[in-house]
N, C-alpha and C. Protein backbone atom coordinates (compact mmCIF):
# COMPACT_ATOMS: atom_id res chain seq x y z
N MET A 1 -51.24 -1.45 3.73
CA MET A 1 -52.38 -1.56 2.40
C MET A 1 -51.23 -0.87 1.69
N VAL A 2 -51.06 -1.17 0.46
CA VAL A 2 -49.97 -0.47 -0.48
C VAL A 2 -51.50 0.47 -0.94
N GLU A 3 -50.71 1.94 -1.82
CA GLU A 3 -50.70 2.95 -1.72
C GLU A 3 -51.84 3.06 -3.18
N LYS A 4 -52.36 3.93 -3.33
CA LYS A 4 -52.62 4.03 -5.06
C LYS A 4 -53.25 5.15 -5.66
N ALA A 5 -53.15 5.14 -6.72
CA ALA A 5 -53.52 6.93 -7.18
C ALA A 5 -54.44 6.27 -7.89
N CYS A 6 -56.34 7.52 -8.18
CA CYS A 6 -57.02 7.88 -8.71
C CYS A 6 -56.49 8.07 -10.11
N ARG A 7 -57.15 7.52 -11.46
CA ARG A 7 -56.29 7.60 -12.39
C ARG A 7 -57.80 8.99 -13.42
N VAL A 8 -58.34 8.99 -12.02
CA VAL A 8 -59.44 10.32 -13.04
C VAL A 8 -59.01 11.39 -12.18
N CYS A 9 -59.12 11.71 -10.83
CA CYS A 9 -58.13 12.97 -10.03
C CYS A 9 -57.21 13.13 -9.20
N ARG A 10 -56.25 11.60 -9.41
CA ARG A 10 -54.76 11.54 -8.70
C ARG A 10 -54.80 11.72 -7.06
N TYR A 11 -56.09 11.37 -6.34
CA TYR A 11 -56.11 11.66 -4.93
C TYR A 11 -55.31 10.03 -4.69
N ILE A 12 -54.26 9.67 -3.08
CA ILE A 12 -53.57 8.88 -3.54
C ILE A 12 -54.85 8.25 -2.23
N THR A 13 -55.15 7.60 -2.49
CA THR A 13 -55.73 6.61 -1.35
C THR A 13 -54.99 4.80 -0.54
N SER A 14 -55.21 4.39 0.55
CA SER A 14 -55.18 3.35 0.64
C SER A 14 -55.30 2.14 1.38
N GLU A 15 -57.48 2.34 0.88
CA GLU A 15 -58.26 1.68 1.50
C GLU A 15 -58.78 1.50 0.74
N GLY A 16 -59.69 0.62 0.07
CA GLY A 16 -60.47 -0.18 -0.37
C GLY A 16 -60.58 0.32 -1.82
N GLY A 17 -61.68 0.27 -2.36
CA GLY A 17 -61.43 -0.12 -4.23
C GLY A 17 -61.66 0.81 -4.21
N LYS A 18 -62.08 2.31 -3.96
CA LYS A 18 -62.49 3.44 -4.42
C LYS A 18 -62.04 4.40 -3.87
N CYS A 19 -62.33 5.53 -4.91
CA CYS A 19 -61.65 6.87 -5.16
C CYS A 19 -62.13 7.61 -3.75
N ALA A 20 -62.07 8.01 -2.43
CA ALA A 20 -62.93 8.12 -1.40
C ALA A 20 -63.08 9.75 -1.83
N ALA A 21 -61.95 10.58 -3.16
CA ALA A 21 -62.16 11.59 -3.77
C ALA A 21 -62.68 11.94 -4.17
N CYS A 22 -63.88 11.03 -5.30
CA CYS A 22 -64.12 11.18 -6.45
C CYS A 22 -65.06 10.37 -6.87
N GLY A 23 -64.63 8.76 -6.33
CA GLY A 23 -65.50 7.82 -5.91
C GLY A 23 -65.23 6.47 -7.20
N SER A 24 -64.41 6.64 -7.78
CA SER A 24 -64.09 6.39 -9.14
C SER A 24 -62.98 5.37 -8.37
N GLU A 25 -63.31 3.49 -9.46
CA GLU A 25 -63.21 2.07 -9.18
C GLU A 25 -61.44 2.64 -10.50
N GLU A 26 -61.15 3.17 -11.27
CA GLU A 26 -59.62 3.24 -11.63
C GLU A 26 -58.28 3.79 -10.96
N LEU A 27 -57.84 2.71 -10.17
CA LEU A 27 -56.92 3.41 -8.98
C LEU A 27 -56.25 1.92 -10.03
N THR A 28 -54.26 2.82 -9.53
CA THR A 28 -53.36 2.30 -10.09
C THR A 28 -52.03 2.36 -9.41
N GLU A 29 -51.34 0.82 -9.13
CA GLU A 29 -50.53 1.48 -8.35
C GLU A 29 -49.15 2.07 -9.02
N LYS A 30 -49.48 2.29 -10.44
CA LYS A 30 -48.11 2.88 -11.30
C LYS A 30 -48.57 4.41 -10.92
N TRP A 31 -47.47 5.12 -10.13
CA TRP A 31 -47.72 6.98 -10.12
C TRP A 31 -46.24 6.87 -9.12
N SER A 32 -45.85 8.21 -8.74
CA SER A 32 -44.87 8.43 -8.38
C SER A 32 -44.46 10.06 -8.73
N GLY A 33 -44.34 10.54 -7.18
CA GLY A 33 -44.26 11.73 -7.27
C GLY A 33 -45.53 12.05 -5.96
N TYR A 34 -45.60 13.15 -5.24
CA TYR A 34 -47.08 12.81 -4.75
C TYR A 34 -46.62 14.96 -3.91
N ALA A 35 -48.38 15.61 -3.68
CA ALA A 35 -48.02 16.49 -2.93
C ALA A 35 -49.30 16.68 -2.17
N TYR A 36 -49.20 17.24 -0.62
CA TYR A 36 -49.71 17.24 0.59
C TYR A 36 -50.98 18.32 -0.15
N ILE A 37 -51.91 18.49 -0.13
CA ILE A 37 -52.83 19.47 -0.41
C ILE A 37 -53.82 20.12 0.48
N GLU A 38 -53.42 20.84 1.72
CA GLU A 38 -54.51 21.42 2.70
C GLU A 38 -55.51 22.60 2.35
N ASP A 39 -55.25 23.20 1.54
CA ASP A 39 -55.95 24.36 0.98
C ASP A 39 -55.66 24.26 -0.18
N VAL A 40 -57.50 23.52 -0.35
CA VAL A 40 -57.24 23.24 -2.17
C VAL A 40 -57.78 24.70 -2.98
N ALA A 41 -58.34 25.78 -2.42
CA ALA A 41 -58.66 26.85 -3.12
C ALA A 41 -57.61 28.00 -2.82
N ASN A 42 -56.48 27.55 -2.36
CA ASN A 42 -55.33 29.10 -2.79
C ASN A 42 -54.29 27.89 -3.41
N SER A 43 -54.12 27.21 -3.62
CA SER A 43 -53.25 26.27 -3.41
C SER A 43 -52.62 26.41 -5.52
N GLU A 44 -51.70 26.93 -5.22
CA GLU A 44 -51.69 26.38 -6.92
C GLU A 44 -50.77 24.84 -7.62
N ILE A 45 -50.19 24.64 -6.65
CA ILE A 45 -49.69 22.85 -7.17
C ILE A 45 -51.17 21.86 -7.24
N GLY A 46 -52.73 22.81 -6.11
CA GLY A 46 -53.90 21.71 -6.40
C GLY A 46 -54.78 22.02 -7.70
N LYS A 47 -54.76 23.81 -7.35
CA LYS A 47 -55.22 23.94 -9.13
C LYS A 47 -54.82 23.04 -10.47
N SER A 48 -53.61 23.26 -9.90
CA SER A 48 -52.82 22.13 -11.16
C SER A 48 -53.06 20.60 -11.37
N VAL A 49 -53.46 20.19 -10.55
CA VAL A 49 -53.34 18.69 -10.23
C VAL A 49 -55.19 18.35 -9.94
N GLY A 50 -55.73 19.74 -10.12
CA GLY A 50 -57.33 19.61 -10.39
C GLY A 50 -58.36 19.36 -8.87
N ALA A 51 -57.41 19.01 -7.68
CA ALA A 51 -57.74 18.86 -6.41
C ALA A 51 -59.03 19.47 -5.68
N LYS A 52 -59.35 18.53 -5.21
CA LYS A 52 -61.15 19.12 -5.33
C LYS A 52 -61.23 19.12 -3.68
N VAL A 53 -60.08 18.01 -2.80
CA VAL A 53 -60.65 17.94 -1.67
C VAL A 53 -59.45 17.60 -0.84
N PRO A 54 -58.92 18.31 0.55
CA PRO A 54 -57.61 18.04 1.07
C PRO A 54 -57.32 16.62 1.02
N GLY A 55 -55.86 16.27 0.99
CA GLY A 55 -55.63 15.36 0.87
C GLY A 55 -53.67 15.23 0.42
N LYS A 56 -53.08 13.94 0.14
CA LYS A 56 -52.60 13.51 -0.99
C LYS A 56 -53.20 13.29 -2.91
N TYR A 57 -52.17 13.72 -3.57
CA TYR A 57 -52.13 13.69 -4.53
C TYR A 57 -50.52 13.38 -5.73
N ALA A 58 -50.93 12.84 -6.18
CA ALA A 58 -50.05 11.82 -7.41
C ALA A 58 -49.73 13.32 -7.96
N LEU A 59 -48.59 13.31 -8.17
CA LEU A 59 -47.69 13.71 -9.54
C LEU A 59 -47.77 14.14 -11.21
N ASN A 60 -47.64 12.52 -11.04
CA ASN A 60 -47.29 11.60 -12.11
C ASN A 60 -47.78 10.30 -12.28
N ILE A 61 -48.56 9.78 -12.81
CA ILE A 61 -49.25 8.60 -13.30
C ILE A 61 -49.40 8.03 -14.64
N LYS A 62 -48.44 7.28 -14.44
CA LYS A 62 -48.06 5.74 -15.11
C LYS A 62 -49.13 5.42 -16.54
């Protein structure tokens, strides 16, 4: 299945039609670059993308 990024929180998911992090249905296949965030509280990149839960986040959404 194709990985999609949430337009609201940038979380990348490959299953279902909803974002597993925020529940939004605004998903897109048009994204590039990603960061895997494990420690959302202490990660500078996690803070910059607004990460709330551990996982893959898109760096650029088109």
